[in-house]
N, C-alpha and C. Protein backbone atom coordinates (compact mmCIF):
# COMPACT_ATOMS: atom_id res chain seq x y z
N MET A 1 121.52 0.43 -126.70
CA MET A 1 122.90 -0.44 -126.77
C MET A 1 123.45 -0.53 -124.84
N PHE A 2 123.35 -0.06 -124.04
CA PHE A 2 123.82 -0.16 -123.15
C PHE A 2 122.32 -0.83 -121.82
N LYS A 3 121.97 -1.25 -122.46
CA LYS A 3 120.66 -1.54 -121.53
C LYS A 3 120.33 -2.53 -120.94
N GLY A 4 121.31 -3.70 -121.06
CA GLY A 4 121.71 -4.68 -120.46
C GLY A 4 122.52 -4.44 -118.66
N LEU A 5 123.29 -3.07 -118.85
CA LEU A 5 124.21 -2.97 -117.82
C LEU A 5 123.51 -2.43 -116.85
N GLY A 6 122.28 -2.21 -116.58
CA GLY A 6 121.71 -1.81 -115.25
C GLY A 6 121.11 -3.24 -114.66
N ASN A 7 120.80 -4.55 -115.49
CA ASN A 7 120.72 -5.78 -115.00
C ASN A 7 121.94 -6.33 -114.15
N MET A 8 122.86 -5.81 -115.27
CA MET A 8 124.34 -6.16 -115.03
C MET A 8 124.42 -6.01 -113.40
N ALA A 9 124.44 -4.51 -112.89
CA ALA A 9 124.70 -3.79 -111.70
C ALA A 9 123.62 -4.79 -110.58
N HIS A 10 122.43 -5.09 -110.75
CA HIS A 10 121.66 -5.73 -110.00
C HIS A 10 122.43 -6.97 -110.21
N ILE A 11 122.50 -7.88 -111.12
CA ILE A 11 122.95 -9.36 -110.90
C ILE A 11 124.76 -8.97 -109.62
N LEU A 12 125.31 -8.47 -110.59
CA LEU A 12 126.76 -8.01 -108.89
C LEU A 12 125.99 -7.87 -107.92
N LYS A 13 125.52 -6.39 -107.63
CA LYS A 13 125.04 -6.40 -106.53
C LYS A 13 124.42 -7.73 -105.49
N ASN A 14 123.71 -8.45 -106.10
CA ASN A 14 122.74 -9.39 -105.42
C ASN A 14 124.03 -10.25 -105.27
N ALA A 15 125.13 -10.73 -106.48
CA ALA A 15 126.11 -11.48 -106.16
C ALA A 15 126.81 -11.12 -104.51
N GLN A 16 127.13 -9.87 -104.58
CA GLN A 16 127.93 -9.52 -103.53
C GLN A 16 127.33 -9.71 -102.08
N LYS A 17 126.02 -9.42 -101.89
CA LYS A 17 125.54 -9.45 -100.94
C LYS A 17 125.05 -11.03 -100.50
N HIS A 18 125.11 -11.93 -101.54
CA HIS A 18 125.17 -13.97 -101.24
C HIS A 18 126.50 -14.00 -100.55
N ALA A 19 127.27 -12.98 -101.12
CA ALA A 19 128.66 -13.58 -100.91
C ALA A 19 129.63 -13.17 -99.75
N GLN A 20 128.02 -11.99 -98.91
CA GLN A 20 128.53 -11.51 -97.41
C GLN A 20 127.88 -12.49 -96.76
N VAL A 21 126.79 -12.73 -97.21
CA VAL A 21 126.20 -13.60 -96.03
C VAL A 21 127.21 -14.89 -95.99
N MET A 22 127.39 -15.35 -96.99
CA MET A 22 128.06 -16.94 -97.38
C MET A 22 129.31 -16.59 -96.32
N GLN A 23 129.95 -15.59 -96.53
CA GLN A 23 131.12 -15.90 -95.42
C GLN A 23 130.88 -15.38 -94.28
N LYS A 24 129.85 -14.70 -93.64
CA LYS A 24 129.54 -14.67 -92.49
C LYS A 24 129.10 -15.90 -91.89
N ARG A 25 128.41 -16.49 -92.73
CA ARG A 25 127.59 -18.21 -92.30
C ARG A 25 128.74 -19.26 -91.99
N MET A 26 130.28 -19.00 -93.05
CA MET A 26 130.99 -19.89 -92.80
C MET A 26 131.96 -19.30 -91.28
N ASP A 27 132.05 -18.05 -91.71
CA ASP A 27 132.63 -17.76 -90.06
C ASP A 27 132.17 -18.45 -88.69
N GLU A 28 130.46 -18.25 -88.75
CA GLU A 28 130.11 -18.84 -87.88
C GLU A 28 130.56 -20.34 -87.37
N VAL A 29 130.26 -21.20 -88.40
CA VAL A 29 130.48 -22.43 -89.03
C VAL A 29 131.76 -22.94 -88.23
N ASN A 30 132.75 -21.92 -88.51
CA ASN A 30 134.25 -22.42 -88.26
C ASN A 30 134.60 -22.12 -86.93
N GLN A 31 133.63 -21.46 -86.48
CA GLN A 31 133.39 -20.99 -84.59
C GLN A 31 133.05 -22.11 -84.34
N GLU A 32 131.85 -22.68 -84.67
CA GLU A 32 131.19 -24.06 -84.03
C GLU A 32 132.07 -25.35 -84.35
N LEU A 33 133.05 -25.09 -85.34
CA LEU A 33 133.81 -26.30 -85.59
C LEU A 33 135.28 -26.23 -84.81
N LYS A 34 135.58 -25.39 -84.06
CA LYS A 34 136.97 -25.33 -83.36
C LYS A 34 135.86 -25.72 -81.94
N GLU A 35 134.35 -25.96 -81.49
CA GLU A 35 134.41 -26.43 -80.35
C GLU A 35 133.96 -27.70 -80.13
N LYS A 36 133.49 -28.27 -81.71
CA LYS A 36 133.45 -30.08 -82.09
C LYS A 36 134.24 -31.01 -81.83
N VAL A 37 134.35 -31.88 -80.89
CA VAL A 37 135.72 -32.78 -80.62
C VAL A 37 135.57 -33.84 -81.67
N VAL A 38 136.38 -34.47 -82.02
CA VAL A 38 135.89 -36.08 -82.58
C VAL A 38 137.72 -36.20 -82.22
N ASP A 39 137.43 -37.75 -82.72
CA ASP A 39 138.61 -38.77 -82.08
C ASP A 39 138.74 -39.76 -82.33
N GLY A 40 139.66 -40.33 -82.34
CA GLY A 40 140.59 -41.22 -83.58
C GLY A 40 141.43 -41.88 -82.49
N SER A 41 141.43 -43.20 -82.33
CA SER A 41 141.99 -44.34 -81.80
C SER A 41 142.72 -45.32 -82.48
N ALA A 42 143.62 -45.99 -81.62
CA ALA A 42 144.37 -47.07 -82.15
C ALA A 42 145.08 -48.10 -81.26
N GLY A 43 145.03 -49.37 -81.58
CA GLY A 43 145.17 -50.12 -80.68
C GLY A 43 144.34 -50.60 -79.89
N GLY A 44 142.96 -51.31 -80.17
CA GLY A 44 141.86 -50.98 -79.35
C GLY A 44 141.16 -50.07 -78.23
N GLY A 45 141.78 -49.06 -78.78
CA GLY A 45 141.60 -47.73 -77.71
C GLY A 45 143.27 -47.63 -76.83
N MET A 46 143.73 -48.10 -76.69
CA MET A 46 145.34 -47.99 -75.83
C MET A 46 145.37 -46.31 -76.12
N VAL A 47 145.48 -45.52 -77.71
CA VAL A 47 146.17 -44.78 -77.72
C VAL A 47 144.54 -44.30 -78.50
N THR A 48 144.40 -42.87 -77.67
CA THR A 48 142.91 -41.96 -78.64
C THR A 48 143.64 -40.66 -78.23
N ALA A 49 143.13 -40.01 -80.02
CA ALA A 49 144.00 -38.25 -80.43
C ALA A 49 142.60 -37.58 -80.33
N TYR A 50 142.63 -36.41 -79.87
CA TYR A 50 141.12 -35.61 -79.37
C TYR A 50 141.22 -34.68 -80.26
N VAL A 51 140.58 -34.39 -81.95
CA VAL A 51 141.14 -33.42 -82.40
C VAL A 51 139.58 -32.43 -82.49
N ASN A 52 139.69 -31.13 -82.67
CA ASN A 52 138.60 -30.65 -83.22
C ASN A 52 138.21 -30.40 -84.66
N GLY A 53 137.57 -29.59 -84.84
CA GLY A 53 136.58 -29.61 -85.95
C GLY A 53 137.28 -28.51 -87.44
N ASN A 54 138.62 -27.99 -86.55
CA ASN A 54 139.38 -26.87 -87.29
C ASN A 54 140.87 -27.92 -87.35
N GLN A 55 140.34 -29.26 -87.51
CA GLN A 55 141.81 -30.06 -87.90
C GLN A 55 143.28 -29.56 -86.55
N GLU A 56 142.35 -29.01 -85.61
CA GLU A 56 143.77 -28.99 -84.45
C GLU A 56 143.99 -30.30 -83.23
N VAL A 57 144.79 -30.68 -83.29
CA VAL A 57 145.18 -31.45 -82.21
C VAL A 57 144.91 -31.39 -81.00
N LEU A 58 144.13 -31.66 -80.23
CA LEU A 58 143.58 -30.88 -78.27
C LEU A 58 144.72 -31.93 -77.52
N SER A 59 144.62 -33.51 -77.25
CA SER A 59 145.23 -33.74 -76.95
C SER A 59 145.67 -35.08 -77.00
N VAL A 60 146.27 -36.09 -76.68
CA VAL A 60 146.34 -37.21 -76.92
C VAL A 60 146.19 -38.31 -75.25
N LYS A 61 145.70 -39.09 -75.55
CA LYS A 61 145.72 -40.38 -73.98
C LYS A 61 145.72 -41.80 -74.64
N ILE A 62 147.34 -42.23 -73.43
CA ILE A 62 147.78 -42.98 -73.63
C ILE A 62 147.24 -44.43 -72.99
N ASP A 63 147.01 -45.16 -72.69
CA ASP A 63 146.72 -46.23 -71.45
C ASP A 63 148.43 -46.57 -71.13
N PRO A 64 148.15 -46.48 -69.40
CA PRO A 64 149.74 -46.83 -68.99
C PRO A 64 149.90 -48.61 -69.83
N GLU A 65 148.91 -48.72 -69.73
CA GLU A 65 149.46 -50.04 -70.02
C GLU A 65 150.24 -50.55 -71.46
N VAL A 66 149.81 -49.70 -72.35
CA VAL A 66 151.08 -49.28 -73.66
C VAL A 66 152.01 -49.00 -73.52
N VAL A 67 152.46 -48.37 -72.43
CA VAL A 67 154.04 -48.00 -72.37
C VAL A 67 154.92 -49.26 -71.91
N SER A 68 155.69 -48.87 -73.03
CA SER A 68 157.18 -50.03 -72.47
C SER A 68 158.45 -49.54 -72.80
N LYS A 69 159.33 -49.24 -72.30
CA LYS A 69 160.29 -48.79 -72.95
C LYS A 69 161.43 -49.67 -73.67
N ASP A 70 160.48 -50.95 -73.93
CA ASP A 70 161.22 -51.97 -74.29
C ASP A 70 160.19 -52.19 -75.85
N ASP A 71 159.23 -51.12 -75.86
CA ASP A 71 158.41 -51.38 -77.62
C ASP A 71 157.85 -49.54 -77.87
N VAL A 72 159.16 -49.06 -77.20
CA VAL A 72 158.69 -47.50 -78.18
C VAL A 72 158.08 -47.24 -79.13
N GLU A 73 158.74 -48.46 -80.28
CA GLU A 73 158.28 -47.96 -81.84
C GLU A 73 156.83 -48.13 -81.83
N MET A 74 156.54 -49.20 -81.23
CA MET A 74 154.60 -49.89 -81.01
C MET A 74 154.21 -48.29 -80.66
N LEU A 75 154.25 -47.82 -79.58
CA LEU A 75 153.41 -46.67 -79.02
C LEU A 75 153.71 -45.37 -80.22
N GLN A 76 154.96 -44.67 -80.61
CA GLN A 76 154.67 -44.15 -81.82
C GLN A 76 153.59 -44.27 -82.87
N ASP A 77 153.91 -45.64 -83.18
CA ASP A 77 152.58 -45.72 -84.56
C ASP A 77 151.81 -45.60 -83.73
N LEU A 78 150.94 -46.16 -82.67
CA LEU A 78 149.74 -46.00 -81.85
C LEU A 78 149.51 -44.49 -82.10
N ILE A 79 150.42 -43.97 -82.05
CA ILE A 79 149.97 -42.48 -82.03
C ILE A 79 149.95 -42.32 -83.07
N VAL A 80 150.90 -41.76 -84.15
CA VAL A 80 150.74 -41.86 -85.26
C VAL A 80 149.54 -41.98 -85.91
N ALA A 81 148.26 -43.19 -85.44
CA ALA A 81 147.63 -43.84 -86.31
C ALA A 81 146.57 -43.10 -86.17
N ALA A 82 146.91 -42.90 -84.71
CA ALA A 82 145.34 -42.51 -83.26
C ALA A 82 145.22 -41.08 -83.82
N VAL A 83 145.90 -40.27 -84.47
CA VAL A 83 146.27 -38.57 -84.76
C VAL A 83 145.76 -39.06 -86.42
N ALA A 84 145.93 -39.92 -86.94
CA ALA A 84 145.35 -39.49 -88.20
C ALA A 84 144.27 -39.78 -88.64
N GLN A 85 143.52 -40.75 -87.79
CA GLN A 85 142.11 -41.26 -87.86
C GLN A 85 141.33 -40.14 -86.60
N GLY A 86 141.91 -38.88 -85.88
CA GLY A 86 141.45 -37.81 -85.46
C GLY A 86 141.36 -37.52 -86.88
N LEU A 87 142.22 -37.00 -87.51
CA LEU A 87 142.28 -35.45 -88.09
C LEU A 87 141.54 -35.97 -89.46
N GLN A 88 141.05 -37.85 -89.94
CA GLN A 88 140.76 -37.88 -91.27
C GLN A 88 138.50 -37.73 -90.48
N LYS A 89 138.34 -37.67 -89.59
CA LYS A 89 137.10 -37.71 -88.80
C LYS A 89 136.60 -36.17 -88.42
N SER A 90 137.85 -35.07 -88.32
CA SER A 90 137.60 -34.00 -88.31
C SER A 90 137.54 -33.51 -89.72
N LYS A 91 138.80 -33.73 -90.93
CA LYS A 91 137.84 -33.46 -92.40
C LYS A 91 136.81 -33.42 -92.78
N ASP A 92 136.33 -34.76 -92.52
CA ASP A 92 134.63 -35.75 -92.81
C ASP A 92 133.75 -34.83 -92.07
N LEU A 93 134.14 -34.16 -90.91
CA LEU A 93 133.34 -33.41 -90.11
C LEU A 93 132.68 -31.74 -90.60
N ARG A 94 134.36 -31.39 -91.16
CA ARG A 94 134.22 -29.99 -91.58
C ARG A 94 133.26 -29.98 -93.70
N GLU A 95 133.70 -30.72 -93.90
CA GLU A 95 132.86 -31.56 -95.32
C GLU A 95 131.70 -31.29 -95.18
N GLU A 96 131.20 -31.88 -93.85
CA GLU A 96 129.80 -32.18 -93.86
C GLU A 96 129.11 -30.64 -93.50
N GLU A 97 129.93 -29.96 -92.62
CA GLU A 97 129.23 -28.55 -92.69
C GLU A 97 129.32 -27.73 -93.44
N SER A 98 130.09 -27.90 -94.15
CA SER A 98 130.46 -27.20 -95.56
C SER A 98 129.23 -27.63 -96.14
N LYS A 99 128.73 -28.85 -96.29
CA LYS A 99 127.78 -29.20 -97.39
C LYS A 99 126.50 -27.80 -97.07
N LYS A 100 126.40 -28.36 -95.81
CA LYS A 100 125.47 -27.62 -94.95
C LYS A 100 125.19 -26.05 -95.08
N VAL A 101 126.01 -25.60 -95.36
CA VAL A 101 126.18 -24.08 -95.11
C VAL A 101 125.69 -23.97 -96.97
N MET A 102 126.35 -24.61 -97.98
CA MET A 102 126.18 -24.39 -99.38
C MET A 102 124.78 -24.86 -99.42
N GLY A 103 124.45 -25.66 -99.18
CA GLY A 103 123.00 -26.18 -99.42
C GLY A 103 122.37 -25.16 -98.78
N SER A 104 121.87 -24.36 -97.79
CA SER A 104 121.27 -23.49 -96.71
C SER A 104 121.39 -22.42 -97.50
N LEU A 105 122.51 -22.04 -98.40
CA LEU A 105 122.34 -21.35 -99.47
C LEU A 105 122.01 -21.11 -101.07
N GLY A 106 121.66 -22.72 -101.14
CA GLY A 106 121.45 -22.95 -102.46
C GLY A 106 122.58 -23.03 -103.49
N LEU A 107 123.40 -22.64 -102.90
CA LEU A 107 124.73 -22.94 -103.83
C LEU A 107 125.17 -24.33 -103.83
N PRO A 108 125.94 -25.03 -105.15
CA PRO A 108 126.29 -26.61 -105.04
C PRO A 108 127.77 -26.50 -103.52
N ASN A 109 127.83 -27.67 -103.34
CA ASN A 109 129.14 -28.20 -102.68
C ASN A 109 130.44 -27.41 -104.08
N MET A 110 131.01 -27.54 -103.16
CA MET A 110 132.42 -27.35 -103.56
C MET A 110 133.54 -27.63 -103.39
N PRO A 111 133.59 -29.47 -103.95
CA PRO A 111 134.35 -29.91 -103.02
C PRO A 111 135.75 -29.84 -103.49
N GLY A 112 137.18 -30.52 -103.11
CA GLY A 112 138.12 -29.44 -102.95
C GLY A 112 138.62 -28.31 -102.66
N LEU A 113 137.83 -27.52 -102.12
CA LEU A 113 138.21 -26.29 -101.14
C LEU A 113 138.53 -26.70 -99.60
N GLY A 114 138.17 -28.14 -99.30
CA GLY A 114 138.64 -28.56 -97.91
C GLY A 114 137.35 -27.87 -96.73
N GLY A 115 136.38 -27.94 -97.22
CA GLY A 115 135.05 -27.58 -96.76
C GLY A 115 134.90 -26.20 -96.32
N LEU A 116 134.95 -25.48 -95.26
CA LEU A 116 135.40 -24.34 -95.45
C LEU A 116 136.47 -23.44 -95.08
N MET A 117 136.05 -21.99 -95.86
CA MET A 117 137.34 -21.37 -95.62
C MET A 117 137.78 -20.62 -94.92
């Protein structure tokens, strides 16, 4: 009657082992993503935002020619556009790395998890 329980215990132990390996690998990738930097730009490069793979905005570079007290609104729009583009590139980078981790472990990618946990 309880013949299958030994097999189930083996399956659960194996699943736990895979979960630990996956968590360790995700921790490693999250550290790697912190070191990777992407950029987003607007206004033909007049404003550039630098964002790491953990979606942290690291810095913003503004070409002095775009700074005008008469057109602050345009500058604000360029900054928002550059940061948004940088964040999207960071998100895409995260998704790529997530697919690599899942694939290396023989698991399907799970969209909607925001990449790595």
